Amino acid sequence: MKMLRKLRKDKKLSMKELGSIIGVAESTISLYESGKREPDYKTLLTLAQFFNVSTDYLLQNKVPQMPYLDEIPISFLCSSKYLVVNTLTDDKKDFKDLEDSIKKEGVLVPIIVRPMNYGNFLIIDGERRVTACINLKIEKIKCIIINVTDEEESCRLSIEINKQQRYSTVFDWFRFPQIKSGDDE
């Protein structure tokens, strides 16, 4: 369970301390982290509750191949240098309206991310929602996790999503001339 090590280190816990908290030996935590042993269902639930993550997130080294929905700590999200930002509605009033909506209703549309190394996720779509959540001190956000393998594919997907949302502008195509969508071929 690669995620266990990251979560433990993020909380600045030793293997011995975590073992004591959940009721297993330090050596058992070591075996879990190295993948030489799997926790039983009860222990898995205890770990998920302690770290405030889903069991799917803990078992991330066994990510399903199809997109799936999970709630992820915002601190595990990374921005892409190729992320297409909603350039038509980036004024302060519109952003305040977004924050007010999230405060009232929560995040209604999950963001889209892809797994990266060390348990982090790259944002493909939803940067403004993430920023609004950070401003509102919301710690977790619902994400659709997809298995896109590289930055260029992430960028292409971000542009396609924004085209469908009618948010992207001609400037996006000047910013990312190397990326072509299926429509343009």
Protein backbone atom coordinates (compact mmCIF):
# COMPACT_ATOMS: atom_id res chain seq x y z
CA MET A 1 0.00 0.00 0.00
CA LYS A 2 2.09 2.84 -1.34
CA MET A 3 -0.44 5.41 -0.15
CA LEU A 4 -0.10 4.34 3.48
CA ARG A 5 3.53 5.46 3.64
CA LYS A 6 2.71 8.87 2.16
CA LEU A 7 -0.23 9.40 4.49
CA ARG A 8 1.80 8.31 7.52
CA LYS A 9 4.69 10.61 6.62
CA ASP A 10 2.31 13.51 5.94
CA LYS A 11 1.07 13.12 9.53
CA LYS A 12 4.68 12.85 10.72
CA LEU A 13 4.07 9.48 12.36
CA SER A 14 6.57 6.69 12.77
CA MET A 15 5.55 3.13 11.88
CA LYS A 16 5.53 2.34 15.58
CA GLU A 17 3.21 5.27 16.37
CA LEU A 18 0.77 4.36 13.59
CA GLY A 19 0.81 0.72 14.64
CA SER A 20 0.02 1.72 18.20
CA ILE A 21 -2.87 3.92 17.06
CA ILE A 22 -4.55 1.24 14.94
CA GLY A 23 -3.57 -1.73 17.11
CA VAL A 24 -0.93 -3.56 15.05
CA ALA A 25 2.83 -4.03 15.38
CA GLU A 26 5.39 -1.72 13.78
CA SER A 27 6.56 -4.66 11.64
CA THR A 28 2.99 -5.09 10.33
CA ILE A 29 2.91 -1.45 9.18
CA SER A 30 6.24 -2.07 7.44
CA LEU A 31 4.80 -5.12 5.65
CA TYR A 32 1.70 -3.12 4.58
CA GLU A 33 3.83 -0.29 3.20
CA SER A 34 6.16 -2.60 1.31
CA GLY A 35 3.24 -4.51 -0.20
CA LYS A 36 4.34 -7.80 1.34
CA ARG A 37 1.13 -8.04 3.32
CA GLU A 38 -2.40 -6.70 2.90
CA PRO A 39 -4.46 -5.47 5.84
CA ASP A 40 -7.69 -7.26 6.63
CA TYR A 41 -10.93 -5.45 5.90
CA LYS A 42 -11.36 -4.12 9.44
CA THR A 43 -7.81 -2.73 9.52
CA LEU A 44 -8.26 -1.19 6.07
CA LEU A 45 -11.40 0.60 7.29
CA THR A 46 -9.61 1.74 10.44
CA LEU A 47 -6.75 3.17 8.37
CA ALA A 48 -9.16 4.92 5.99
CA GLN A 49 -11.07 6.46 8.90
CA PHE A 50 -7.89 7.52 10.68
CA PHE A 51 -6.46 9.24 7.59
CA ASN A 52 -9.90 10.48 6.49
CA VAL A 53 -9.57 8.94 3.01
CA SER A 54 -11.48 6.25 1.13
CA THR A 55 -10.39 2.63 1.06
CA ASP A 56 -10.05 3.03 -2.74
CA TYR A 57 -7.56 5.80 -2.13
CA LEU A 58 -5.54 3.67 0.29
CA LEU A 59 -5.43 0.84 -2.25
CA GLN A 60 -4.44 3.18 -5.05
CA ASN A 61 -1.68 0.90 -6.29
CA LYS A 62 -4.61 -1.20 -7.52
CA VAL A 63 -6.40 1.62 -9.36
CA PRO A 64 -9.29 0.49 -11.55
CA GLN A 65 -8.63 0.99 -15.26
CA MET A 66 -11.88 2.85 -15.87
CA PRO A 67 -12.64 6.32 -14.49
CA TYR A 68 -13.91 6.30 -10.94
CA LEU A 69 -15.14 8.83 -8.40
CA ASP A 70 -13.34 9.46 -5.12
CA GLU A 71 -12.97 12.24 -2.57
CA ILE A 72 -9.36 13.41 -2.41
CA PRO A 73 -7.59 15.80 -0.02
CA ILE A 74 -6.93 19.06 -1.85
CA SER A 75 -3.33 18.96 -0.62
CA PHE A 76 -2.75 15.96 -2.93
CA LEU A 77 -3.74 17.92 -6.08
CA CYS A 78 -1.22 19.49 -8.45
CA SER A 79 -1.78 22.01 -11.22
CA SER A 80 -0.59 21.28 -14.73
CA LYS A 81 1.47 23.81 -16.61
CA TYR A 82 -0.78 22.99 -19.58
CA LEU A 83 -4.08 23.40 -17.72
CA VAL A 84 -6.66 25.29 -19.77
CA VAL A 85 -8.18 27.94 -17.54
CA ASN A 86 -11.62 29.45 -18.08
CA THR A 87 -10.37 32.70 -19.60
CA LEU A 88 -13.84 34.09 -20.35
CA THR A 89 -14.99 34.23 -16.73
CA ASP A 90 -11.93 34.93 -14.63
CA ASP A 91 -13.19 38.23 -13.24
CA LYS A 92 -13.48 38.74 -9.47
CA LYS A 93 -17.30 38.89 -9.38
CA ASP A 94 -17.63 35.61 -11.27
CA PHE A 95 -15.11 33.95 -8.98
CA LYS A 96 -16.93 35.29 -5.89
CA ASP A 97 -20.16 33.84 -7.33
CA LEU A 98 -18.40 30.48 -7.69
CA GLU A 99 -17.22 30.61 -4.06
CA ASP A 100 -20.72 31.56 -2.87
CA SER A 101 -22.23 28.68 -4.83
CA ILE A 102 -19.73 26.17 -3.42
CA LYS A 103 -20.31 27.52 0.11
CA LYS A 104 -24.07 27.08 -0.31
CA GLU A 105 -24.33 23.87 -2.38
CA GLY A 106 -20.90 22.25 -2.21
CA VAL A 107 -18.96 21.29 -5.34
CA LEU A 108 -21.67 20.03 -7.68
CA VAL A 109 -19.40 18.93 -10.53
CA PRO A 110 -16.38 16.78 -9.57
CA ILE A 111 -13.03 17.89 -10.89
CA ILE A 112 -11.13 15.60 -13.26
CA VAL A 113 -7.67 14.38 -12.27
CA ARG A 114 -5.12 11.75 -13.19
CA PRO A 115 -2.85 9.84 -10.81
CA MET A 116 0.78 10.93 -10.52
CA ASN A 117 3.72 9.66 -8.48
CA TYR A 118 3.74 9.58 -4.69
CA GLY A 119 -0.05 9.62 -4.34
CA ASN A 120 -0.58 13.03 -5.91
CA PHE A 121 -3.05 13.84 -8.67
CA LEU A 122 -2.74 16.18 -11.64
CA ILE A 123 -5.73 18.44 -12.25
CA ILE A 124 -7.10 18.09 -15.78
CA ASP A 125 -10.27 20.11 -15.25
CA GLY A 126 -11.51 22.10 -12.27
CA GLU A 127 -8.68 24.41 -11.22
CA ARG A 128 -11.09 27.26 -10.36
CA ARG A 129 -13.23 24.96 -8.20
CA VAL A 130 -10.09 23.78 -6.38
CA THR A 131 -8.94 27.39 -5.82
CA ALA A 132 -12.38 28.31 -4.51
CA CYS A 133 -12.30 25.32 -2.13
CA ILE A 134 -8.86 26.37 -0.87
CA ASN A 135 -10.16 29.89 -0.23
CA LEU A 136 -13.14 28.41 1.64
CA LYS A 137 -10.84 26.12 3.67
CA ILE A 138 -12.48 22.97 2.28
CA GLU A 139 -10.04 20.08 2.71
CA LYS A 140 -11.41 17.48 0.28
CA ILE A 141 -13.03 17.56 -3.13
CA LYS A 142 -14.84 14.97 -5.24
CA CYS A 143 -12.74 13.92 -8.20
CA ILE A 144 -13.21 11.79 -11.26
CA ILE A 145 -9.94 9.91 -11.53
CA ILE A 146 -8.98 8.84 -15.03
CA ASN A 147 -5.97 6.90 -16.22
CA VAL A 148 -4.50 9.34 -18.72
CA THR A 149 -0.83 8.51 -19.01
CA ASP A 150 0.93 11.71 -20.01
CA GLU A 151 0.90 15.49 -19.87
CA GLU A 152 0.11 15.97 -23.56
CA GLU A 153 -2.96 13.73 -23.36
CA SER A 154 -4.02 15.58 -20.20
CA CYS A 155 -3.72 18.88 -22.05
CA ARG A 156 -5.70 17.61 -25.05
CA LEU A 157 -8.42 16.33 -22.75
CA SER A 158 -8.53 19.64 -20.84
CA ILE A 159 -9.01 21.54 -24.10
CA GLU A 160 -11.76 19.15 -25.23
CA ILE A 161 -13.58 19.47 -21.91
CA ASN A 162 -13.38 23.25 -22.06
CA LYS A 163 -14.57 23.28 -25.68
CA GLN A 164 -17.62 21.30 -24.61
CA GLN A 165 -18.19 23.71 -21.73
CA ARG A 166 -17.74 26.64 -24.14
CA TYR A 167 -15.09 28.12 -21.85
CA SER A 168 -11.97 27.92 -23.93
CA THR A 169 -11.07 30.66 -26.34
CA VAL A 170 -8.96 30.98 -29.43
CA PHE A 171 -6.13 32.01 -27.09
CA ASP A 172 -5.96 28.45 -25.74
CA TRP A 173 -5.00 27.23 -29.21
CA PHE A 174 -2.23 29.84 -29.41
CA ARG A 175 -0.98 28.82 -25.96
CA PHE A 176 -0.90 25.11 -26.91
CA PRO A 177 -0.24 24.90 -30.67
CA GLN A 178 1.33 21.41 -30.44
CA ILE A 179 -1.95 19.88 -29.26
CA LYS A 180 -4.52 19.01 -31.89
CA SER A 181 -8.01 17.79 -31.19
CA GLY A 182 -9.74 15.09 -33.16
CA ASP A 183 -12.01 17.75 -34.75
CA ASP A 184 -9.13 19.56 -36.41
CA GLU A 185 -7.63 16.64 -38.28
